[in-house]
């Protein structure tokens, strides 16, 4: 995957480049931002944003490398410890694939600068590799940043995508769990995901009201 998106900010432009590759026989999935405008802003300081708004052009680049094994084996114990801890609360979590992430930003003619985290939470969307997709699975992603592993849960209802809100940029591990392994009450899961159905529910109610109103009018006529 390779894509470039341009975002206008004031008088300047931010070019966002996203790419993903794989070291395995399985092609790397598409990875994107829920809002490129929000993500682009979250990569820069207030001072940098002022310069961009004044007319400077900027670039931000994200490169994801998917693999079966972690590139930096020294970080593996951090992931194992975090998975063990989270499994006690959520139920058994299984390893999917790793993503090594390189991110950098540039403002004007300055030298590229490594990007270690976002300045505010941004929404990221991962397509799940097809060999990991089944209808009875929940997906998670755990990211290591400066020696700390943070777990993010899927916030969408699609079986083949993972959507998270995060400020972390670093080595990540995609995890999965079958529904019968979960220790989280079903009611709690429904409450988490029902917020994404709220808007659709309102539309259905409005359409139902319109149909009922029309029927009453026909009867009166």
N, C-alpha and C. Protein backbone atom coordinates (compact mmCIF):
# COMPACT_ATOMS: atom_id res chain seq x y z
N UNK A 1 0.84 -1.19 0.00
CA UNK A 1 0.00 0.00 0.00
C UNK A 1 0.88 1.24 0.00
N UNK A 2 0.53 2.20 -0.82
CA UNK A 2 1.23 3.49 -0.82
C UNK A 2 0.22 4.54 -1.25
N UNK A 3 0.05 5.56 -0.41
CA UNK A 3 -0.87 6.62 -0.79
C UNK A 3 -0.39 7.94 -0.21
N UNK A 4 -0.71 9.02 -0.93
CA UNK A 4 -0.34 10.36 -0.51
C UNK A 4 -1.59 11.22 -0.46
N UNK A 5 -1.75 11.94 0.63
CA UNK A 5 -2.91 12.81 0.83
C UNK A 5 -2.42 14.20 1.21
N UNK A 6 -2.99 15.22 0.58
CA UNK A 6 -2.63 16.59 0.90
C UNK A 6 -3.72 17.25 1.73
N UNK A 7 -3.29 17.92 2.79
CA UNK A 7 -4.21 18.60 3.69
C UNK A 7 -3.84 20.08 3.72
N UNK A 8 -4.82 20.93 3.49
CA UNK A 8 -4.59 22.38 3.54
C UNK A 8 -4.71 22.86 4.98
N UNK A 9 -3.71 23.64 5.41
CA UNK A 9 -3.76 24.21 6.75
C UNK A 9 -3.37 25.68 6.64
N UNK A 10 -4.36 26.55 6.76
CA UNK A 10 -4.10 27.97 6.57
C UNK A 10 -3.61 28.23 5.16
N UNK A 11 -2.47 28.90 5.06
CA UNK A 11 -1.87 29.18 3.75
C UNK A 11 -0.92 28.09 3.30
N UNK A 12 -0.70 27.10 4.16
CA UNK A 12 0.25 26.04 3.83
C UNK A 12 -0.42 24.72 3.53
N UNK A 13 0.39 23.74 3.19
CA UNK A 13 -0.10 22.40 2.85
C UNK A 13 0.73 21.35 3.59
N UNK A 14 0.03 20.34 4.12
CA UNK A 14 0.70 19.20 4.76
C UNK A 14 0.48 17.98 3.88
N UNK A 15 1.54 17.36 3.42
CA UNK A 15 1.46 16.15 2.62
C UNK A 15 1.66 14.94 3.53
N UNK A 16 0.68 14.06 3.55
CA UNK A 16 0.72 12.87 4.41
C UNK A 16 0.94 11.65 3.53
N UNK A 17 2.02 10.93 3.77
CA UNK A 17 2.33 9.72 3.02
C UNK A 17 2.18 8.50 3.91
N UNK A 18 1.41 7.53 3.47
CA UNK A 18 1.18 6.28 4.20
C UNK A 18 1.62 5.11 3.33
N UNK A 19 2.45 4.23 3.87
CA UNK A 19 2.87 3.05 3.11
C UNK A 19 2.93 1.85 4.03
N UNK A 20 2.67 0.68 3.48
CA UNK A 20 2.77 -0.56 4.26
C UNK A 20 3.36 -1.66 3.37
N UNK A 21 4.28 -2.42 3.96
CA UNK A 21 4.91 -3.54 3.27
C UNK A 21 4.90 -4.76 4.19
N UNK A 22 5.22 -5.91 3.64
CA UNK A 22 5.19 -7.14 4.41
C UNK A 22 6.46 -7.95 4.17
N UNK A 23 6.95 -8.58 5.24
CA UNK A 23 8.09 -9.49 5.10
C UNK A 23 7.62 -10.93 4.92
N UNK A 24 6.31 -11.13 4.91
CA UNK A 24 5.74 -12.47 4.78
C UNK A 24 5.14 -12.65 3.39
N UNK A 25 4.59 -13.83 3.15
CA UNK A 25 3.94 -14.09 1.87
C UNK A 25 2.59 -13.40 1.78
N UNK A 26 2.08 -12.95 2.91
CA UNK A 26 0.79 -12.26 2.95
C UNK A 26 1.00 -10.77 2.72
N UNK A 27 0.22 -10.20 1.83
CA UNK A 27 0.35 -8.77 1.53
C UNK A 27 -0.01 -7.93 2.76
N UNK A 28 0.68 -6.83 2.92
CA UNK A 28 0.40 -5.92 4.03
C UNK A 28 -0.97 -5.28 3.85
N UNK A 29 -1.71 -5.09 4.93
CA UNK A 29 -3.05 -4.49 4.82
C UNK A 29 -2.98 -2.99 4.64
N UNK A 30 -4.09 -2.40 4.24
CA UNK A 30 -4.19 -0.95 4.17
C UNK A 30 -4.32 -0.40 5.59
N UNK A 31 -3.62 0.69 5.84
CA UNK A 31 -3.68 1.38 7.13
C UNK A 31 -3.93 2.85 6.82
N UNK A 32 -4.89 3.45 7.48
CA UNK A 32 -5.28 4.83 7.16
C UNK A 32 -5.75 5.56 8.41
N UNK A 33 -5.90 6.85 8.28
CA UNK A 33 -6.44 7.67 9.36
C UNK A 33 -7.93 7.88 9.16
N UNK A 34 -8.65 7.95 10.28
CA UNK A 34 -10.08 8.27 10.18
C UNK A 34 -10.28 9.66 9.64
N UNK A 35 -9.44 10.60 10.06
CA UNK A 35 -9.46 11.97 9.56
C UNK A 35 -8.02 12.40 9.30
N UNK A 36 -7.69 12.63 8.05
CA UNK A 36 -6.33 13.05 7.72
C UNK A 36 -6.05 14.46 8.21
N UNK A 37 -7.08 15.28 8.26
CA UNK A 37 -6.91 16.64 8.76
C UNK A 37 -6.50 16.61 10.24
N UNK A 38 -7.21 15.83 11.05
CA UNK A 38 -6.88 15.74 12.47
C UNK A 38 -5.51 15.12 12.68
N UNK A 39 -5.23 14.06 11.92
CA UNK A 39 -3.95 13.36 12.08
C UNK A 39 -2.78 14.27 11.69
N UNK A 40 -2.94 15.01 10.61
CA UNK A 40 -1.86 15.90 10.17
C UNK A 40 -1.56 16.96 11.22
N UNK A 41 -2.60 17.55 11.80
CA UNK A 41 -2.39 18.56 12.83
C UNK A 41 -1.72 17.97 14.07
N UNK A 42 -2.08 16.72 14.40
CA UNK A 42 -1.57 16.09 15.62
C UNK A 42 -0.09 15.72 15.52
N UNK A 43 0.50 15.89 14.35
CA UNK A 43 1.92 15.56 14.17
C UNK A 43 2.85 16.74 14.45
N UNK A 44 2.28 17.93 14.63
CA UNK A 44 3.12 19.12 14.73
C UNK A 44 2.84 19.91 16.00
N UNK A 45 3.85 20.64 16.45
CA UNK A 45 3.70 21.51 17.61
C UNK A 45 2.92 22.76 17.21
N UNK A 46 2.49 23.52 18.21
CA UNK A 46 1.76 24.76 17.94
C UNK A 46 2.63 25.72 17.12
N UNK A 47 3.91 25.78 17.45
CA UNK A 47 4.82 26.67 16.72
C UNK A 47 4.94 26.24 15.26
N UNK A 48 5.04 24.93 15.04
CA UNK A 48 5.14 24.42 13.67
C UNK A 48 3.85 24.67 12.89
N UNK A 49 2.72 24.51 13.56
CA UNK A 49 1.44 24.75 12.90
C UNK A 49 1.29 26.23 12.52
N UNK A 50 1.82 27.12 13.34
CA UNK A 50 1.78 28.54 13.02
C UNK A 50 2.57 28.83 11.75
N UNK A 51 3.74 28.18 11.63
CA UNK A 51 4.56 28.36 10.44
C UNK A 51 3.86 27.81 9.20
N UNK A 52 3.21 26.66 9.34
CA UNK A 52 2.48 26.07 8.21
C UNK A 52 1.30 26.96 7.82
N UNK A 53 0.58 27.44 8.83
CA UNK A 53 -0.57 28.31 8.56
C UNK A 53 -0.14 29.59 7.85
N UNK A 54 1.11 30.01 8.12
CA UNK A 54 1.62 31.21 7.49
C UNK A 54 2.12 31.01 6.08
N UNK A 55 2.15 29.76 5.61
CA UNK A 55 2.53 29.52 4.23
C UNK A 55 3.59 28.46 4.01
N UNK A 56 4.20 27.96 5.10
CA UNK A 56 5.19 26.89 4.95
C UNK A 56 4.50 25.58 4.56
N UNK A 57 5.15 24.82 3.70
CA UNK A 57 4.65 23.49 3.38
C UNK A 57 5.34 22.47 4.27
N UNK A 58 4.63 21.41 4.59
CA UNK A 58 5.16 20.39 5.49
C UNK A 58 4.85 19.00 4.96
N UNK A 59 5.60 18.02 5.45
CA UNK A 59 5.37 16.63 5.07
C UNK A 59 5.42 15.76 6.31
N UNK A 60 4.63 14.72 6.31
CA UNK A 60 4.68 13.71 7.36
C UNK A 60 4.55 12.35 6.69
N UNK A 61 5.39 11.41 7.13
CA UNK A 61 5.46 10.11 6.47
C UNK A 61 5.36 8.99 7.49
N UNK A 62 4.53 7.98 7.17
CA UNK A 62 4.37 6.80 8.01
C UNK A 62 4.64 5.55 7.17
N UNK A 63 5.55 4.72 7.66
CA UNK A 63 5.89 3.48 6.97
C UNK A 63 5.68 2.31 7.92
N UNK A 64 4.82 1.35 7.53
CA UNK A 64 4.49 0.19 8.35
C UNK A 64 5.06 -1.07 7.70
N UNK A 65 5.80 -1.85 8.49
CA UNK A 65 6.36 -3.10 7.99
C UNK A 65 5.75 -4.25 8.79
N UNK A 66 4.94 -5.08 8.12
CA UNK A 66 4.26 -6.20 8.78
C UNK A 66 5.16 -7.43 8.77
N UNK A 67 5.21 -8.13 9.91
CA UNK A 67 6.02 -9.35 10.00
C UNK A 67 5.44 -10.29 11.05
N UNK A 68 5.84 -11.55 10.97
CA UNK A 68 5.39 -12.55 11.94
C UNK A 68 6.13 -12.44 13.26
N UNK A 69 7.35 -11.90 13.22
CA UNK A 69 8.17 -11.79 14.41
C UNK A 69 8.62 -10.35 14.61
N UNK A 70 8.84 -10.01 15.87
CA UNK A 70 9.25 -8.64 16.18
C UNK A 70 10.68 -8.40 15.70
N UNK A 71 10.91 -7.22 15.16
CA UNK A 71 12.24 -6.89 14.63
C UNK A 71 13.24 -6.70 15.75
N UNK A 72 12.86 -5.96 16.78
CA UNK A 72 13.73 -5.72 17.93
C UNK A 72 13.35 -6.73 19.02
N UNK A 73 14.07 -7.83 19.09
CA UNK A 73 13.72 -8.90 20.03
C UNK A 73 13.83 -8.47 21.48
N UNK A 74 14.57 -7.39 21.74
CA UNK A 74 14.69 -6.90 23.10
C UNK A 74 13.38 -6.36 23.66
N UNK A 75 12.44 -6.04 22.76
CA UNK A 75 11.14 -5.52 23.19
C UNK A 75 10.12 -6.63 23.45
N UNK A 76 10.46 -7.85 23.03
CA UNK A 76 9.50 -8.94 23.14
C UNK A 76 9.01 -9.18 24.57
N UNK A 77 9.90 -9.16 25.60
CA UNK A 77 9.41 -9.35 26.96
C UNK A 77 8.38 -8.31 27.39
N UNK A 78 8.51 -7.08 26.88
CA UNK A 78 7.54 -6.03 27.21
C UNK A 78 6.16 -6.40 26.70
N UNK A 79 6.10 -6.94 25.48
CA UNK A 79 4.82 -7.34 24.90
C UNK A 79 4.25 -8.55 25.65
N UNK A 80 5.10 -9.51 25.94
CA UNK A 80 4.63 -10.71 26.63
C UNK A 80 4.06 -10.39 28.00
N UNK A 81 4.73 -9.50 28.72
CA UNK A 81 4.25 -9.11 30.05
C UNK A 81 2.92 -8.36 29.95
N UNK A 82 2.80 -7.46 28.96
CA UNK A 82 1.58 -6.70 28.79
C UNK A 82 0.41 -7.60 28.38
N UNK A 83 0.67 -8.56 27.49
CA UNK A 83 -0.38 -9.48 27.05
C UNK A 83 -0.87 -10.33 28.21
N UNK A 84 0.07 -10.81 29.03
CA UNK A 84 -0.32 -11.62 30.19
C UNK A 84 -1.20 -10.82 31.15
N UNK A 85 -0.84 -9.56 31.37
CA UNK A 85 -1.61 -8.70 32.26
C UNK A 85 -3.01 -8.44 31.71
N UNK A 86 -3.10 -8.08 30.43
CA UNK A 86 -4.39 -7.77 29.83
C UNK A 86 -5.28 -9.01 29.72
N UNK A 87 -4.68 -10.17 29.52
CA UNK A 87 -5.45 -11.41 29.38
C UNK A 87 -6.19 -11.75 30.67
N UNK A 88 -5.65 -11.35 31.80
CA UNK A 88 -6.31 -11.62 33.08
C UNK A 88 -7.64 -10.87 33.20
N UNK A 89 -7.74 -9.73 32.52
CA UNK A 89 -8.97 -8.93 32.57
C UNK A 89 -9.88 -9.18 31.37
N UNK A 90 -9.28 -9.44 30.20
CA UNK A 90 -10.07 -9.54 28.97
C UNK A 90 -10.30 -10.97 28.51
N UNK A 91 -9.48 -11.91 28.97
CA UNK A 91 -9.51 -13.27 28.45
C UNK A 91 -8.31 -13.50 27.56
N UNK A 92 -8.14 -14.72 27.10
CA UNK A 92 -6.97 -15.09 26.31
C UNK A 92 -6.83 -14.22 25.06
N UNK A 93 -5.63 -13.69 24.84
CA UNK A 93 -5.31 -12.88 23.67
C UNK A 93 -4.23 -13.59 22.87
N UNK A 94 -4.42 -13.67 21.55
CA UNK A 94 -3.51 -14.42 20.69
C UNK A 94 -2.76 -13.47 19.76
N UNK A 95 -1.50 -13.81 19.51
CA UNK A 95 -0.66 -12.99 18.66
C UNK A 95 -1.05 -13.12 17.19
N UNK A 96 -1.19 -11.97 16.54
CA UNK A 96 -1.44 -11.94 15.12
C UNK A 96 -0.17 -11.60 14.36
N UNK A 97 0.02 -10.33 14.03
CA UNK A 97 1.22 -9.89 13.31
C UNK A 97 1.77 -8.63 13.95
N UNK A 98 3.06 -8.40 13.75
CA UNK A 98 3.72 -7.20 14.25
C UNK A 98 3.76 -6.13 13.16
N UNK A 99 3.77 -4.88 13.58
CA UNK A 99 3.98 -3.76 12.68
C UNK A 99 5.10 -2.90 13.24
N UNK A 100 6.21 -2.82 12.51
CA UNK A 100 7.27 -1.87 12.85
C UNK A 100 6.96 -0.57 12.12
N UNK A 101 6.99 0.53 12.85
CA UNK A 101 6.55 1.81 12.30
C UNK A 101 7.69 2.81 12.31
N UNK A 102 7.92 3.43 11.17
CA UNK A 102 8.84 4.56 11.06
C UNK A 102 8.02 5.77 10.66
N UNK A 103 8.14 6.84 11.45
CA UNK A 103 7.38 8.06 11.16
C UNK A 103 8.30 9.27 11.26
N UNK A 104 8.13 10.20 10.35
CA UNK A 104 8.95 11.41 10.37
C UNK A 104 8.14 12.59 9.85
N UNK A 105 8.62 13.80 10.18
CA UNK A 105 7.93 15.01 9.72
C UNK A 105 8.97 16.04 9.30
N UNK A 106 8.55 16.93 8.41
CA UNK A 106 9.41 18.00 7.91
C UNK A 106 8.57 19.26 7.75
N UNK A 107 9.12 20.39 8.16
CA UNK A 107 8.47 21.69 7.95
C UNK A 107 9.41 22.55 7.13
N UNK A 108 8.91 23.04 6.00
CA UNK A 108 9.75 23.87 5.14
C UNK A 108 10.95 23.11 4.64
N UNK A 109 12.14 23.73 4.77
CA UNK A 109 13.37 23.12 4.28
C UNK A 109 14.19 22.51 5.42
N UNK A 110 13.55 22.33 6.57
CA UNK A 110 14.25 21.72 7.69
C UNK A 110 14.52 20.24 7.41
N UNK A 111 15.49 19.67 8.14
CA UNK A 111 15.79 18.25 8.02
C UNK A 111 14.64 17.43 8.61
N UNK A 112 14.36 16.25 8.05
CA UNK A 112 13.29 15.40 8.61
C UNK A 112 13.56 15.08 10.08
N UNK A 113 12.49 15.06 10.86
CA UNK A 113 12.57 14.77 12.30
C UNK A 113 11.72 13.55 12.62
N UNK A 114 12.29 12.62 13.39
CA UNK A 114 11.55 11.42 13.76
C UNK A 114 10.34 11.80 14.60
N UNK A 115 9.24 11.10 14.37
CA UNK A 115 8.00 11.36 15.08
C UNK A 115 7.73 10.20 16.01
N UNK A 116 7.75 10.46 17.33
CA UNK A 116 7.60 9.39 18.31
C UNK A 116 6.20 9.20 18.83
N UNK A 117 5.36 10.24 18.71
CA UNK A 117 3.98 10.13 19.17
C UNK A 117 3.18 11.29 18.59
N UNK A 118 1.85 11.15 18.63
CA UNK A 118 0.98 12.25 18.23
C UNK A 118 0.81 13.20 19.41
N UNK A 119 0.50 14.44 19.11
CA UNK A 119 0.29 15.42 20.17
C UNK A 119 -1.13 15.35 20.73
N UNK A 120 -1.99 14.61 20.08
CA UNK A 120 -3.33 14.33 20.58
C UNK A 120 -3.82 13.03 19.95
N UNK A 121 -4.83 12.43 20.53
CA UNK A 121 -5.32 11.15 20.00
C UNK A 121 -5.85 11.31 18.58
N UNK A 122 -5.54 10.34 17.74
CA UNK A 122 -6.05 10.30 16.37
C UNK A 122 -6.65 8.93 16.11
N UNK A 123 -7.58 8.87 15.18
CA UNK A 123 -8.21 7.60 14.84
C UNK A 123 -7.42 6.93 13.72
N UNK A 124 -7.04 5.66 13.97
CA UNK A 124 -6.35 4.87 12.96
C UNK A 124 -7.18 3.65 12.62
N UNK A 125 -7.20 3.30 11.34
CA UNK A 125 -7.99 2.16 10.86
C UNK A 125 -7.06 1.17 10.16
N UNK A 126 -7.10 -0.08 10.62
CA UNK A 126 -6.30 -1.16 10.04
C UNK A 126 -7.23 -2.17 9.37
N UNK A 127 -6.93 -2.54 8.14
CA UNK A 127 -7.58 -3.70 7.55
C UNK A 127 -6.93 -4.95 8.16
N UNK A 128 -7.74 -5.89 8.63
CA UNK A 128 -7.21 -7.11 9.22
C UNK A 128 -6.70 -8.02 8.09
N UNK A 129 -5.48 -8.55 8.19
CA UNK A 129 -5.01 -9.52 7.19
C UNK A 129 -6.02 -10.65 7.04
N UNK A 130 -6.32 -11.04 5.81
CA UNK A 130 -7.41 -11.97 5.55
C UNK A 130 -7.26 -13.30 6.29
N UNK A 131 -6.04 -13.77 6.48
CA UNK A 131 -5.87 -15.07 7.13
C UNK A 131 -6.23 -15.03 8.62
N UNK A 132 -6.42 -13.82 9.17
CA UNK A 132 -6.80 -13.68 10.57
C UNK A 132 -8.29 -13.38 10.75
N UNK A 133 -9.00 -13.20 9.65
CA UNK A 133 -10.40 -12.78 9.73
C UNK A 133 -11.34 -13.97 9.87
N UNK A 134 -12.11 -13.98 10.95
CA UNK A 134 -13.25 -14.88 11.11
C UNK A 134 -14.34 -14.10 11.83
N UNK A 135 -15.56 -14.53 11.68
CA UNK A 135 -16.69 -13.78 12.23
C UNK A 135 -16.81 -13.82 13.74
N UNK A 136 -16.07 -14.72 14.41
CA UNK A 136 -16.23 -14.86 15.86
C UNK A 136 -15.05 -14.28 16.63
N UNK A 137 -14.33 -13.34 16.02
CA UNK A 137 -13.15 -12.77 16.67
C UNK A 137 -13.30 -11.29 16.99
N UNK A 138 -12.67 -10.91 18.10
CA UNK A 138 -12.48 -9.51 18.45
C UNK A 138 -11.00 -9.19 18.23
N UNK A 139 -10.70 -7.94 17.86
CA UNK A 139 -9.32 -7.57 17.57
C UNK A 139 -8.85 -6.43 18.47
N UNK A 140 -7.55 -6.45 18.74
CA UNK A 140 -6.91 -5.45 19.59
C UNK A 140 -5.56 -5.11 18.98
N UNK A 141 -5.01 -3.99 19.40
CA UNK A 141 -3.64 -3.69 19.00
C UNK A 141 -2.90 -3.15 20.22
N UNK A 142 -1.68 -3.60 20.40
CA UNK A 142 -0.87 -3.17 21.54
C UNK A 142 0.39 -2.53 20.99
N UNK A 143 0.71 -1.34 21.48
CA UNK A 143 1.81 -0.55 20.95
C UNK A 143 2.82 -0.22 22.04
N UNK A 144 4.09 -0.42 21.72
CA UNK A 144 5.16 -0.10 22.66
C UNK A 144 5.72 1.28 22.34
N UNK A 145 5.76 2.12 23.37
CA UNK A 145 6.33 3.46 23.22
C UNK A 145 7.15 3.78 24.46
N UNK A 146 8.46 3.91 24.28
CA UNK A 146 9.38 4.26 25.35
C UNK A 146 9.27 3.28 26.53
N UNK A 147 9.19 1.99 26.19
CA UNK A 147 9.19 0.97 27.22
C UNK A 147 7.85 0.66 27.84
N UNK A 148 6.80 1.32 27.38
CA UNK A 148 5.45 1.09 27.91
C UNK A 148 4.56 0.57 26.80
N UNK A 149 3.82 -0.51 27.08
CA UNK A 149 2.91 -1.10 26.10
C UNK A 149 1.47 -0.71 26.44
N UNK A 150 0.79 -0.12 25.48
CA UNK A 150 -0.60 0.29 25.66
C UNK A 150 -1.51 -0.50 24.74
N UNK A 151 -2.57 -1.05 25.30
CA UNK A 151 -3.53 -1.84 24.54
C UNK A 151 -4.71 -0.97 24.13
N UNK A 152 -5.11 -1.06 22.87
CA UNK A 152 -6.28 -0.35 22.36
C UNK A 152 -7.28 -1.37 21.83
N UNK A 153 -8.56 -1.20 22.20
CA UNK A 153 -9.60 -2.10 21.74
C UNK A 153 -10.29 -1.56 20.49
N UNK A 154 -10.79 -2.46 19.69
CA UNK A 154 -11.50 -2.12 18.46
C UNK A 154 -12.77 -1.35 18.81
N UNK A 155 -13.01 -0.25 18.09
CA UNK A 155 -14.21 0.55 18.36
C UNK A 155 -15.23 0.50 17.24
N UNK A 156 -14.96 -0.29 16.18
CA UNK A 156 -15.97 -0.39 15.12
C UNK A 156 -16.62 -1.77 15.15
N UNK A 157 -17.61 -1.97 14.31
CA UNK A 157 -18.39 -3.21 14.34
C UNK A 157 -18.10 -4.11 13.15
N UNK A 158 -17.17 -3.70 12.29
CA UNK A 158 -16.84 -4.52 11.12
C UNK A 158 -15.89 -5.64 11.52
N UNK A 159 -16.11 -6.82 10.95
CA UNK A 159 -15.31 -8.00 11.32
C UNK A 159 -13.92 -7.98 10.69
N UNK A 160 -13.72 -7.18 9.64
CA UNK A 160 -12.44 -7.23 8.93
C UNK A 160 -11.62 -5.95 9.07
N UNK A 161 -12.00 -5.07 10.00
CA UNK A 161 -11.22 -3.86 10.25
C UNK A 161 -11.04 -3.65 11.75
N UNK A 162 -10.00 -2.93 12.09
CA UNK A 162 -9.72 -2.55 13.47
C UNK A 162 -9.59 -1.04 13.50
N UNK A 163 -10.36 -0.38 14.35
CA UNK A 163 -10.31 1.07 14.49
C UNK A 163 -9.98 1.41 15.93
N UNK A 164 -8.94 2.22 16.12
CA UNK A 164 -8.53 2.62 17.46
C UNK A 164 -8.26 4.12 17.49
N UNK A 165 -8.39 4.69 18.68
CA UNK A 165 -8.02 6.08 18.91
C UNK A 165 -6.78 6.07 19.78
N UNK A 166 -5.68 6.63 19.28
CA UNK A 166 -4.40 6.49 19.98
C UNK A 166 -3.51 7.69 19.76
N UNK A 167 -2.56 7.90 20.67
CA UNK A 167 -1.51 8.89 20.47
C UNK A 167 -0.15 8.22 20.32
N UNK A 168 -0.13 6.88 20.35
CA UNK A 168 1.13 6.12 20.29
C UNK A 168 1.59 5.88 18.86
N UNK A 169 2.89 6.02 18.66
CA UNK A 169 3.54 5.64 17.40
C UNK A 169 4.73 4.76 17.77
N UNK A 170 4.70 3.51 17.37
CA UNK A 170 5.79 2.62 17.73
C UNK A 170 5.51 1.21 17.26
N UNK A 171 6.36 0.29 17.66
CA UNK A 171 6.16 -1.11 17.30
C UNK A 171 4.82 -1.59 17.85
N UNK A 172 4.01 -2.19 17.00
CA UNK A 172 2.67 -2.61 17.40
C UNK A 172 2.45 -4.08 17.10
N UNK A 173 1.57 -4.69 17.88
CA UNK A 173 1.22 -6.10 17.69
C UNK A 173 -0.29 -6.22 17.61
N UNK A 174 -0.76 -6.78 16.51
CA UNK A 174 -2.19 -7.05 16.34
C UNK A 174 -2.54 -8.32 17.11
N UNK A 175 -3.57 -8.25 17.95
CA UNK A 175 -4.01 -9.39 18.75
C UNK A 175 -5.45 -9.75 18.38
N UNK A 176 -5.82 -10.99 18.65
CA UNK A 176 -7.21 -11.38 18.43
C UNK A 176 -7.68 -12.31 19.54
N UNK A 177 -9.00 -12.42 19.64
CA UNK A 177 -9.62 -13.23 20.69
C UNK A 177 -10.94 -13.76 20.16
N UNK A 178 -11.21 -15.05 20.36
CA UNK A 178 -12.51 -15.57 19.97
C UNK A 178 -13.54 -15.18 21.02
N UNK A 179 -14.78 -15.10 20.61
CA UNK A 179 -15.83 -14.60 21.50
C UNK A 179 -15.99 -15.46 22.75
N UNK A 180 -15.81 -16.78 22.63
CA UNK A 180 -16.00 -17.64 23.80
C UNK A 180 -14.83 -17.57 24.78
N UNK A 181 -13.76 -16.85 24.42
CA UNK A 181 -12.63 -16.67 25.33
C UNK A 181 -12.72 -15.37 26.13
N UNK A 182 -13.65 -14.52 25.75
CA UNK A 182 -13.72 -13.20 26.37
C UNK A 182 -14.24 -13.28 27.80
N UNK A 183 -13.62 -12.47 28.68
CA UNK A 183 -14.08 -12.34 30.05
C UNK A 183 -14.91 -11.07 30.25
N UNK A 184 -15.07 -10.30 29.16
CA UNK A 184 -15.84 -9.06 29.23
C UNK A 184 -17.31 -9.39 29.02
N UNK A 185 -18.20 -8.97 29.92
CA UNK A 185 -19.63 -9.25 29.77
C UNK A 185 -20.16 -8.75 28.42
N UNK A 186 -21.04 -9.55 27.84
CA UNK A 186 -21.61 -9.19 26.54
C UNK A 186 -22.29 -7.84 26.59
N UNK A 187 -22.99 -7.55 27.69
CA UNK A 187 -23.71 -6.28 27.82
C UNK A 187 -22.76 -5.10 27.69
N UNK A 188 -21.56 -5.24 28.30
CA UNK A 188 -20.58 -4.15 28.24
C UNK A 188 -20.11 -3.93 26.82
N UNK A 189 -19.89 -5.03 26.06
CA UNK A 189 -19.48 -4.89 24.67
C UNK A 189 -20.53 -4.19 23.84
N UNK A 190 -21.79 -4.55 24.08
CA UNK A 190 -22.87 -3.93 23.33
C UNK A 190 -22.92 -2.44 23.61
N UNK A 191 -22.70 -2.05 24.86
CA UNK A 191 -22.74 -0.65 25.21
C UNK A 191 -21.62 0.11 24.52
N UNK A 192 -20.44 -0.52 24.40
CA UNK A 192 -19.32 0.14 23.76
C UNK A 192 -19.60 0.39 22.28
N UNK A 193 -20.16 -0.62 21.62
CA UNK A 193 -20.35 -0.50 20.17
C UNK A 193 -21.68 0.13 19.78
N UNK A 194 -22.61 0.26 20.71
CA UNK A 194 -23.91 0.82 20.38
C UNK A 194 -23.82 2.28 19.99
N UNK A 195 -22.78 2.99 20.45
CA UNK A 195 -22.64 4.39 20.11
C UNK A 195 -22.48 4.57 18.60
N UNK A 196 -21.92 3.55 17.93
CA UNK A 196 -21.73 3.64 16.48
C UNK A 196 -23.02 3.36 15.72
N UNK A 197 -24.01 2.81 16.41
CA UNK A 197 -25.29 2.53 15.77
C UNK A 197 -26.33 3.60 16.09
N UNK A 198 -25.97 4.55 16.96
CA UNK A 198 -26.93 5.53 17.44
C UNK A 198 -27.52 6.36 16.29
N UNK A 199 -26.62 6.85 15.43
CA UNK A 199 -27.09 7.69 14.32
C UNK A 199 -28.00 6.90 13.39
N UNK A 200 -27.63 5.65 13.10
CA UNK A 200 -28.46 4.82 12.23
C UNK A 200 -29.82 4.57 12.86
N UNK A 201 -29.84 4.40 14.18
CA UNK A 201 -31.12 4.18 14.87
C UNK A 201 -32.05 5.37 14.76
N UNK A 202 -31.49 6.56 14.86
CA UNK A 202 -32.30 7.78 14.72
C UNK A 202 -32.92 7.85 13.33
N UNK A 203 -32.13 7.52 12.31
CA UNK A 203 -32.64 7.56 10.93
C UNK A 203 -33.80 6.58 10.76
N UNK A 204 -33.64 5.37 11.31
CA UNK A 204 -34.71 4.36 11.21
C UNK A 204 -35.98 4.86 11.88
N UNK A 205 -35.85 5.46 13.04
CA UNK A 205 -37.03 5.98 13.77
C UNK A 205 -37.72 7.08 12.99
N UNK A 206 -36.91 7.96 12.38
CA UNK A 206 -37.50 9.05 11.59
C UNK A 206 -38.27 8.50 10.40
N UNK A 207 -37.67 7.51 9.71
CA UNK A 207 -38.36 6.91 8.55
C UNK A 207 -39.65 6.21 8.97
N UNK A 208 -39.60 5.52 10.11
CA UNK A 208 -40.80 4.84 10.62
C UNK A 208 -41.90 5.86 10.93
N UNK A 209 -41.51 6.98 11.53
CA UNK A 209 -42.50 8.02 11.87
C UNK A 209 -43.14 8.58 10.62
N UNK A 210 -42.32 8.79 9.57
CA UNK A 210 -42.85 9.33 8.31
C UNK A 210 -43.87 8.37 7.70
N UNK A 211 -43.56 7.06 7.70
CA UNK A 211 -44.49 6.07 7.14
C UNK A 211 -45.80 6.03 7.92
N UNK A 212 -45.69 6.06 9.26
CA UNK A 212 -46.91 6.04 10.08
C UNK A 212 -47.74 7.28 9.85
N UNK A 213 -47.07 8.42 9.73
CA UNK A 213 -47.78 9.68 9.50
C UNK A 213 -48.53 9.66 8.17
N UNK A 214 -47.88 9.11 7.14
CA UNK A 214 -48.52 9.04 5.83
C UNK A 214 -49.75 8.14 5.86
N UNK A 215 -49.66 7.02 6.57
CA UNK A 215 -50.79 6.09 6.68
C UNK A 215 -51.98 6.78 7.37
N UNK A 216 -51.69 7.52 8.44
CA UNK A 216 -52.76 8.23 9.15
C UNK A 216 -53.42 9.27 8.26
N UNK A 217 -52.63 9.93 7.44
CA UNK A 217 -53.19 10.92 6.54
C UNK A 217 -54.11 10.29 5.50
N UNK A 218 -53.69 9.11 4.99
CA UNK A 218 -54.52 8.42 4.00
C UNK A 218 -55.85 8.00 4.61
N UNK A 219 -55.78 7.53 5.86
CA UNK A 219 -57.01 7.10 6.54
C UNK A 219 -57.96 8.28 6.74
N UNK A 220 -57.42 9.42 7.14
CA UNK A 220 -58.24 10.62 7.34
C UNK A 220 -58.84 11.09 6.03
N UNK A 221 -58.07 10.97 4.95
CA UNK A 221 -58.57 11.42 3.65
C UNK A 221 -59.65 10.47 3.12
